[in-house]
């Protein structure tokens, strides 16, 4: 007899529920989005506008825009130069634990996948961060598997305090939490929070997230808003393109960011644009219908819709594609990346297995040089703290 699964739309005990209508608006807009209803004329009209509406954004994501990628690239590049110059920020992610309590069928960390689990202690975190800082990087993104038992808020706070000693910018990509917990981590030194909704189709979401706190769709959806209420300076959004209809997921991601930007105008908004990658024990997981032209279309549509937003291009993508995207629309690129635990210090080498396979394994110096060769300016940090 199969055990009854938790209702993915009902909050679990201890989860903070916000009085917010953002999710209802985003899901309504996504469900109404018929990308086949847009024609070339809609796309050209969107490109001609100085300020793009949600309808323009919808047109730019439609199949009708695919023959116009060159025109989109020219417009996106102009917007990027206008707001960011030719600067490209560098950072690296650091996985400090890969213990996870969720059963997500597409993720290498899922609790039923037999991998080497590891959790760095404070001394090991310090060693890893010191080694990364020696490369010249001044921004770090701290990641953990989604396990409160193994990576509680106090553990994350200690990691943030250590990071603050070595880096000017500290980001978090961890399990969603309540606003007072985000406030605590902000006090410990965290600047921004990234949360991937994975897919905005709640029915599909239910079939992908079989157990654990991540199964609760609305709690994950409202994570960025709780982070802003907790005082975080910035929040980043992303769908894992290829899990479901990528055009609808990209549209929902953009609308999610757009509504929160209007509600919290002080917030720094950013996008990540990951595609599915093969994982340990399953090399057959690959993005559904999301090839490089489609990924580029999504990235350019984000830039044209929200010109001030940061856009990160992941090492999930090959080096040549990443090098091209930073000249058009992306403003942040990772370097010297490992998705395993303990990979920057020889004594800790490969302590815990990777979350997924990366495509671009270049080190910091190589990526830095490549940015220069593209005629762009690598930036380690663009904040002044007083």
Protein backbone atom coordinates (compact mmCIF):
# COMPACT_ATOMS: atom_id res chain seq x y z
CA UNK A 1 0.00 0.00 0.00
CA UNK A 2 1.47 3.38 -1.04
CA UNK A 3 1.75 5.97 1.72
CA UNK A 4 -0.32 9.09 1.23
CA UNK A 5 1.84 12.00 0.15
CA UNK A 6 1.78 15.42 1.80
CA UNK A 7 -0.48 17.95 0.07
CA UNK A 8 2.02 20.06 -1.88
CA UNK A 9 -0.13 23.19 -1.53
CA UNK A 10 -0.54 23.08 2.27
CA UNK A 11 2.02 24.60 4.62
CA UNK A 12 3.79 22.36 7.12
CA UNK A 13 4.08 23.25 10.79
CA UNK A 14 6.48 26.13 11.42
CA UNK A 15 6.29 27.54 7.88
CA UNK A 16 5.57 31.28 7.79
CA UNK A 17 2.61 32.19 5.57
CA UNK A 18 2.62 35.69 4.09
CA UNK A 19 -0.41 37.80 3.33
CA UNK A 20 0.66 38.21 -0.30
CA UNK A 21 -1.19 37.96 -3.59
CA UNK A 22 1.95 37.68 -5.74
CA UNK A 23 1.69 33.93 -6.25
CA UNK A 24 -1.93 34.13 -7.36
CA UNK A 25 -1.05 36.84 -9.89
CA UNK A 26 1.92 34.93 -11.31
CA UNK A 27 0.04 31.64 -11.65
CA UNK A 28 -2.92 33.44 -13.24
CA UNK A 29 -0.65 35.15 -15.76
CA UNK A 30 1.20 31.92 -16.56
CA UNK A 31 -2.00 29.96 -17.08
CA UNK A 32 -3.31 32.66 -19.44
CA UNK A 33 -0.09 32.78 -21.44
CA UNK A 34 -0.60 31.37 -24.94
CA UNK A 35 2.75 31.90 -26.63
CA UNK A 36 1.41 30.66 -29.97
CA UNK A 37 -0.92 33.67 -30.07
CA UNK A 38 2.01 36.02 -30.73
CA UNK A 39 3.22 36.87 -34.23
CA UNK A 40 6.31 38.49 -35.70
CA UNK A 41 4.56 41.87 -35.58
CA UNK A 42 4.09 41.53 -31.81
CA UNK A 43 7.80 40.77 -31.39
CA UNK A 44 8.85 43.73 -33.56
CA UNK A 45 6.53 46.00 -31.60
CA UNK A 46 8.07 44.79 -28.33
CA UNK A 47 11.57 45.48 -29.66
CA UNK A 48 10.56 49.02 -30.67
CA UNK A 49 9.43 49.98 -27.16
CA UNK A 50 11.68 51.79 -24.68
CA UNK A 51 9.87 50.25 -21.72
CA UNK A 52 8.48 46.74 -22.19
CA UNK A 53 5.21 45.57 -20.72
CA UNK A 54 4.37 42.03 -19.57
CA UNK A 55 2.69 41.57 -22.97
CA UNK A 56 5.94 42.56 -24.70
CA UNK A 57 7.81 40.08 -22.51
CA UNK A 58 5.34 37.37 -23.48
CA UNK A 59 5.94 38.11 -27.17
CA UNK A 60 9.73 38.03 -26.75
CA UNK A 61 9.50 34.53 -25.25
CA UNK A 62 7.21 33.22 -28.00
CA UNK A 63 8.26 30.93 -30.88
CA UNK A 64 7.59 33.88 -33.20
CA UNK A 65 10.67 35.59 -31.75
CA UNK A 66 13.08 32.81 -32.72
CA UNK A 67 13.71 34.13 -36.28
CA UNK A 68 14.45 37.53 -34.72
CA UNK A 69 17.19 36.50 -32.27
CA UNK A 70 19.74 38.77 -33.96
CA UNK A 71 17.44 41.78 -33.55
CA UNK A 72 16.80 40.76 -29.95
CA UNK A 73 20.55 40.45 -29.35
CA UNK A 74 21.20 43.96 -30.63
CA UNK A 75 18.44 45.41 -28.43
CA UNK A 76 19.51 43.37 -25.39
CA UNK A 77 23.14 44.38 -25.81
CA UNK A 78 22.13 48.05 -25.99
CA UNK A 79 20.15 47.73 -22.74
CA UNK A 80 23.00 45.92 -21.02
CA UNK A 81 25.56 48.56 -22.01
CA UNK A 82 23.20 51.34 -20.95
CA UNK A 83 22.77 50.02 -17.43
CA UNK A 84 25.90 47.93 -16.75
CA UNK A 85 28.51 49.25 -19.17
CA UNK A 86 30.83 46.48 -20.27
CA UNK A 87 31.30 45.08 -16.76
CA UNK A 88 30.97 41.39 -15.91
CA UNK A 89 30.98 40.33 -12.25
CA UNK A 90 32.76 37.15 -11.17
CA UNK A 91 31.90 34.87 -8.27
CA UNK A 92 32.09 31.24 -7.29
CA UNK A 93 29.66 28.92 -5.48
CA UNK A 94 30.83 26.98 -2.43
CA UNK A 95 28.97 23.85 -1.37
CA UNK A 96 29.47 23.33 2.36
CA UNK A 97 27.05 20.39 2.78
CA UNK A 98 25.26 17.97 0.47
CA UNK A 99 22.95 16.36 3.02
CA UNK A 100 19.35 16.66 1.88
CA UNK A 101 15.94 15.65 3.23
CA UNK A 102 14.03 16.14 -0.02
CA UNK A 103 13.16 13.59 -2.68
CA UNK A 104 13.45 15.54 -5.94
CA UNK A 105 13.79 13.12 -8.82
CA UNK A 106 16.04 15.35 -11.00
CA UNK A 107 18.62 16.30 -8.33
CA UNK A 108 21.87 14.52 -7.47
CA UNK A 109 21.51 15.45 -3.79
CA UNK A 110 18.06 13.85 -3.38
CA UNK A 111 17.79 11.85 -0.18
CA UNK A 112 17.36 8.48 -1.98
CA UNK A 113 20.42 8.90 -4.20
CA UNK A 114 23.39 6.88 -2.93
CA UNK A 115 26.22 9.42 -2.92
CA UNK A 116 28.98 10.39 -0.50
CA UNK A 117 27.46 12.86 1.94
CA UNK A 118 29.61 15.47 3.64
CA UNK A 119 29.32 18.57 5.79
CA UNK A 120 32.19 20.98 6.33
CA UNK A 121 32.85 22.21 9.86
CA UNK A 122 33.79 25.82 10.62
CA UNK A 123 37.51 25.16 10.29
CA UNK A 124 37.02 23.47 6.91
CA UNK A 125 34.74 26.27 5.69
CA UNK A 126 37.45 28.76 6.65
CA UNK A 127 40.07 26.75 4.73
CA UNK A 128 37.90 26.57 1.61
CA UNK A 129 37.01 30.27 1.70
CA UNK A 130 40.60 31.36 2.28
CA UNK A 131 41.70 29.29 -0.72
CA UNK A 132 38.99 30.82 -2.92
CA UNK A 133 39.82 34.35 -1.76
CA UNK A 134 43.44 33.83 -2.86
CA UNK A 135 42.21 33.58 -6.48
CA UNK A 136 41.13 37.23 -6.26
CA UNK A 137 37.38 36.59 -6.09
CA UNK A 138 35.47 38.92 -3.77
CA UNK A 139 32.00 37.38 -4.04
CA UNK A 140 30.90 33.95 -2.87
CA UNK A 141 27.63 32.04 -3.04
CA UNK A 142 27.13 29.60 -0.15
CA UNK A 143 25.11 26.47 -0.95
CA UNK A 144 23.87 23.49 1.03
CA UNK A 145 21.61 20.54 0.41
CA UNK A 146 18.18 21.17 1.88
CA UNK A 147 18.54 19.63 5.34
CA UNK A 148 17.77 21.71 8.41
CA UNK A 149 18.98 18.86 10.59
CA UNK A 150 22.47 18.89 9.07
CA UNK A 151 22.65 22.58 8.09
CA UNK A 152 20.58 24.54 10.57
CA UNK A 153 20.27 28.33 10.52
CA UNK A 154 23.02 28.74 13.14
CA UNK A 155 25.39 26.68 10.97
CA UNK A 156 24.58 28.89 7.98
CA UNK A 157 25.06 31.98 10.13
CA UNK A 158 28.54 30.82 11.12
CA UNK A 159 29.36 30.24 7.43
CA UNK A 160 28.19 33.79 6.63
CA UNK A 161 30.36 35.26 9.40
CA UNK A 162 33.39 33.38 8.07
CA UNK A 163 32.60 34.47 4.52
CA UNK A 164 32.40 38.11 5.61
CA UNK A 165 36.05 37.94 6.66
CA UNK A 166 37.14 36.94 3.17
CA UNK A 167 34.59 38.41 0.72
CA UNK A 168 32.83 41.71 0.00
CA UNK A 169 29.63 40.02 -1.23
CA UNK A 170 27.98 36.97 0.32
CA UNK A 171 25.05 35.17 -1.30
CA UNK A 172 22.97 32.23 -0.14
CA UNK A 173 21.36 29.45 -2.13
CA UNK A 174 19.90 27.32 0.64
CA UNK A 175 16.54 25.92 1.72
CA UNK A 176 13.68 28.44 2.04
CA UNK A 177 13.12 29.77 5.54
CA UNK A 178 11.04 32.24 7.53
CA UNK A 179 11.61 36.00 7.44
CA UNK A 180 13.12 36.20 10.95
CA UNK A 181 15.65 33.54 9.94
CA UNK A 182 16.58 35.52 6.84
CA UNK A 183 16.97 38.57 9.11
CA UNK A 184 19.39 36.58 11.30
CA UNK A 185 21.46 35.51 8.29
CA UNK A 186 21.49 39.07 6.96
CA UNK A 187 22.84 40.19 10.33
CA UNK A 188 25.51 37.49 10.02
CA UNK A 189 26.66 38.95 6.71
CA UNK A 190 24.47 37.64 3.88
CA UNK A 191 23.60 40.15 1.16
CA UNK A 192 21.27 38.28 -1.17
CA UNK A 193 19.28 35.08 -1.56
CA UNK A 194 18.77 32.90 -4.62
CA UNK A 195 15.84 30.47 -4.79
CA UNK A 196 14.91 28.39 -7.82
CA UNK A 197 11.21 27.62 -8.05
CA UNK A 198 12.27 24.82 -10.46
CA UNK A 199 8.89 24.90 -12.24
CA UNK A 200 5.91 27.20 -11.73
CA UNK A 201 3.48 24.52 -12.87
CA UNK A 202 2.25 23.33 -9.47
CA UNK A 203 0.85 20.07 -10.87
CA UNK A 204 4.19 19.19 -12.47
CA UNK A 205 5.99 20.42 -9.35
CA UNK A 206 4.08 17.85 -7.29
CA UNK A 207 5.26 14.98 -9.50
CA UNK A 208 8.92 16.08 -9.25
CA UNK A 209 9.11 16.75 -5.49
CA UNK A 210 7.91 13.61 -3.78
CA UNK A 211 8.87 14.27 -0.17
CA UNK A 212 10.46 16.82 2.14
CA UNK A 213 9.86 20.50 2.86
CA UNK A 214 10.62 21.38 -0.76
CA UNK A 215 7.40 19.60 -1.74
CA UNK A 216 5.41 22.59 -0.44
CA UNK A 217 4.99 24.75 -3.53
CA UNK A 218 3.69 28.04 -2.00
CA UNK A 219 6.29 28.11 0.78
CA UNK A 220 9.06 27.92 -1.82
CA UNK A 221 7.34 30.47 -4.04
CA UNK A 222 7.22 33.13 -1.33
CA UNK A 223 10.85 32.64 -0.22
CA UNK A 224 12.16 35.74 -2.00
CA UNK A 225 9.49 37.92 -0.44
CA UNK A 226 10.27 36.58 3.02
CA UNK A 227 13.98 37.25 2.36
CA UNK A 228 13.20 40.87 1.47
CA UNK A 229 11.07 41.21 4.59
CA UNK A 230 14.08 39.88 6.50
CA UNK A 231 16.23 42.73 5.18
CA UNK A 232 18.13 41.06 2.36
CA UNK A 233 19.39 43.57 -0.19
CA UNK A 234 18.75 41.38 -3.19
CA UNK A 235 16.95 38.27 -4.40
CA UNK A 236 17.44 36.08 -7.46
CA UNK A 237 14.87 34.02 -9.35
CA UNK A 238 15.10 31.02 -11.63
CA UNK A 239 13.26 28.09 -13.10
CA UNK A 240 15.17 24.92 -13.97
CA UNK A 241 14.50 25.07 -17.69
CA UNK A 242 13.56 21.73 -19.15
CA UNK A 243 11.52 20.36 -16.27
CA UNK A 244 8.32 21.55 -17.91
CA UNK A 245 7.22 23.94 -20.68
CA UNK A 246 10.24 26.27 -20.59
CA UNK A 247 8.44 29.22 -22.18
CA UNK A 248 5.74 29.23 -19.52
CA UNK A 249 8.29 28.72 -16.75
CA UNK A 250 10.46 31.57 -18.06
CA UNK A 251 7.39 33.81 -18.33
CA UNK A 252 6.34 32.99 -14.76
CA UNK A 253 9.88 33.63 -13.50
CA UNK A 254 9.92 37.06 -15.13
CA UNK A 255 6.50 37.96 -13.77
CA UNK A 256 7.45 36.77 -10.29
CA UNK A 257 10.45 39.11 -10.34
CA UNK A 258 8.44 41.95 -11.90
CA UNK A 259 5.68 41.87 -9.28
CA UNK A 260 8.18 41.78 -6.40
CA UNK A 261 10.19 44.63 -7.93
CA UNK A 262 7.04 46.75 -8.00
CA UNK A 263 6.14 45.75 -4.44
CA UNK A 264 9.69 46.22 -3.08
CA UNK A 265 11.27 48.89 -5.32
CA UNK A 266 14.43 49.00 -3.19
CA UNK A 267 15.22 45.33 -3.92
CA UNK A 268 18.04 44.31 -6.24
CA UNK A 269 16.56 41.78 -8.64
CA UNK A 270 18.50 39.10 -10.50
CA UNK A 271 17.86 36.07 -12.68
CA UNK A 272 19.62 32.75 -13.01
CA UNK A 273 18.99 30.69 -16.12
CA UNK A 274 19.90 27.07 -15.40
CA UNK A 275 19.08 24.14 -17.66
CA UNK A 276 18.83 20.56 -16.52
CA UNK A 277 22.13 18.70 -16.35
CA UNK A 278 22.95 14.98 -15.90
CA UNK A 279 23.35 13.90 -12.26
CA UNK A 280 25.17 11.10 -10.46
CA UNK A 281 23.45 7.75 -11.01
CA UNK A 282 21.33 9.23 -13.82
CA UNK A 283 22.95 10.56 -17.00
CA UNK A 284 19.67 10.57 -18.93
CA UNK A 285 18.29 13.74 -17.32
CA UNK A 286 18.55 16.46 -19.92
CA UNK A 287 16.55 19.60 -20.74
CA UNK A 288 13.32 19.16 -22.66
CA UNK A 289 13.37 21.19 -25.90
CA UNK A 290 15.69 23.85 -24.42
CA UNK A 291 18.61 24.18 -26.78
CA UNK A 292 21.13 27.02 -26.82
CA UNK A 293 19.06 29.30 -29.11
CA UNK A 294 16.05 28.92 -26.80
CA UNK A 295 18.18 29.56 -23.71
CA UNK A 296 19.63 32.67 -25.33
CA UNK A 297 16.11 33.83 -26.19
CA UNK A 298 15.05 33.49 -22.55
CA UNK A 299 18.10 35.39 -21.28
CA UNK A 300 17.58 38.22 -23.78
CA UNK A 301 13.86 38.43 -22.97
CA UNK A 302 14.73 38.87 -19.26
CA UNK A 303 17.15 41.66 -20.15
CA UNK A 304 14.67 43.48 -22.39
CA UNK A 305 11.83 43.17 -19.87
CA UNK A 306 13.83 44.12 -16.74
CA UNK A 307 16.85 46.12 -17.93
CA UNK A 308 18.24 46.75 -14.43
CA UNK A 309 18.21 43.09 -13.36
CA UNK A 310 21.41 41.13 -12.96
CA UNK A 311 21.62 37.92 -15.01
CA UNK A 312 23.88 35.01 -14.09
CA UNK A 313 25.10 32.45 -16.60
CA UNK A 314 25.91 29.09 -15.03
CA UNK A 315 28.76 26.62 -15.56
CA UNK A 316 26.01 24.23 -16.61
CA UNK A 317 26.61 25.82 -20.02
CA UNK A 318 29.66 25.34 -22.23
CA UNK A 319 32.46 27.90 -22.20
CA UNK A 320 31.85 29.23 -25.71
CA UNK A 321 28.18 29.92 -25.02
CA UNK A 322 28.96 31.65 -21.74
CA UNK A 323 31.60 33.82 -23.38
CA UNK A 324 29.08 34.97 -25.98
CA UNK A 325 26.21 35.62 -23.56
CA UNK A 326 28.24 38.02 -21.40
CA UNK A 327 28.70 40.28 -24.43
CA UNK A 328 24.92 40.42 -24.97
CA UNK A 329 22.90 40.18 -21.76
CA UNK A 330 24.49 38.33 -18.82
CA UNK A 331 26.18 40.42 -16.14
CA UNK A 332 27.57 37.76 -13.82
CA UNK A 333 29.59 34.63 -14.46
CA UNK A 334 30.90 31.92 -12.15
CA UNK A 335 34.49 30.66 -12.28
CA UNK A 336 36.55 27.96 -10.61
CA UNK A 337 33.36 26.02 -9.95
CA UNK A 338 32.79 22.66 -8.27
CA UNK A 339 29.38 21.38 -7.21
CA UNK A 340 30.95 18.92 -4.77
CA UNK A 341 31.74 19.49 -1.09
CA UNK A 342 35.35 20.35 -0.24
CA UNK A 343 36.95 20.87 -3.63
CA UNK A 344 39.16 23.94 -3.19
CA UNK A 345 41.63 22.61 -0.61
CA UNK A 346 43.76 19.53 -1.25
CA UNK A 347 43.13 18.03 2.18
CA UNK A 348 39.37 18.15 1.60
CA UNK A 349 39.43 17.11 -2.07
CA UNK A 350 36.17 15.46 -3.13
CA UNK A 351 34.86 15.04 0.39
CA UNK A 352 31.28 14.95 -0.88
CA UNK A 353 29.80 14.13 -4.29
CA UNK A 354 28.62 16.71 -6.83
CA UNK A 355 25.04 17.92 -7.26
CA UNK A 356 25.25 17.82 -11.06
CA UNK A 357 27.81 17.74 -13.86
CA UNK A 358 29.18 21.11 -14.96
CA UNK A 359 30.16 21.94 -18.53
CA UNK A 360 32.61 24.84 -18.09
CA UNK A 361 35.41 23.84 -15.70
CA UNK A 362 37.71 26.82 -16.31
CA UNK A 363 39.50 28.39 -13.37
CA UNK A 364 39.23 32.00 -12.24
CA UNK A 365 42.27 33.18 -14.19
CA UNK A 366 41.03 31.57 -17.41
CA UNK A 367 37.56 33.09 -17.14
CA UNK A 368 39.03 36.47 -16.21
CA UNK A 369 41.26 36.41 -19.28
CA UNK A 370 38.41 35.27 -21.51
CA UNK A 371 36.28 38.21 -20.37
CA UNK A 372 39.09 40.59 -21.34
CA UNK A 373 39.39 38.90 -24.74
CA UNK A 374 35.68 39.55 -25.34
CA UNK A 375 36.35 43.27 -24.87
CA UNK A 376 34.60 43.26 -21.49
CA UNK A 377 35.78 44.33 -18.04
CA UNK A 378 35.95 41.66 -15.30
CA UNK A 379 34.75 43.02 -11.95
CA UNK A 380 35.38 41.31 -8.63
CA UNK A 381 33.20 43.68 -6.61
CA UNK A 382 31.21 46.80 -7.41
CA UNK A 383 30.00 47.78 -3.94
CA UNK A 384 31.49 50.38 -1.63
CA UNK A 385 30.87 49.71 2.06
CA UNK A 386 30.95 52.66 4.44
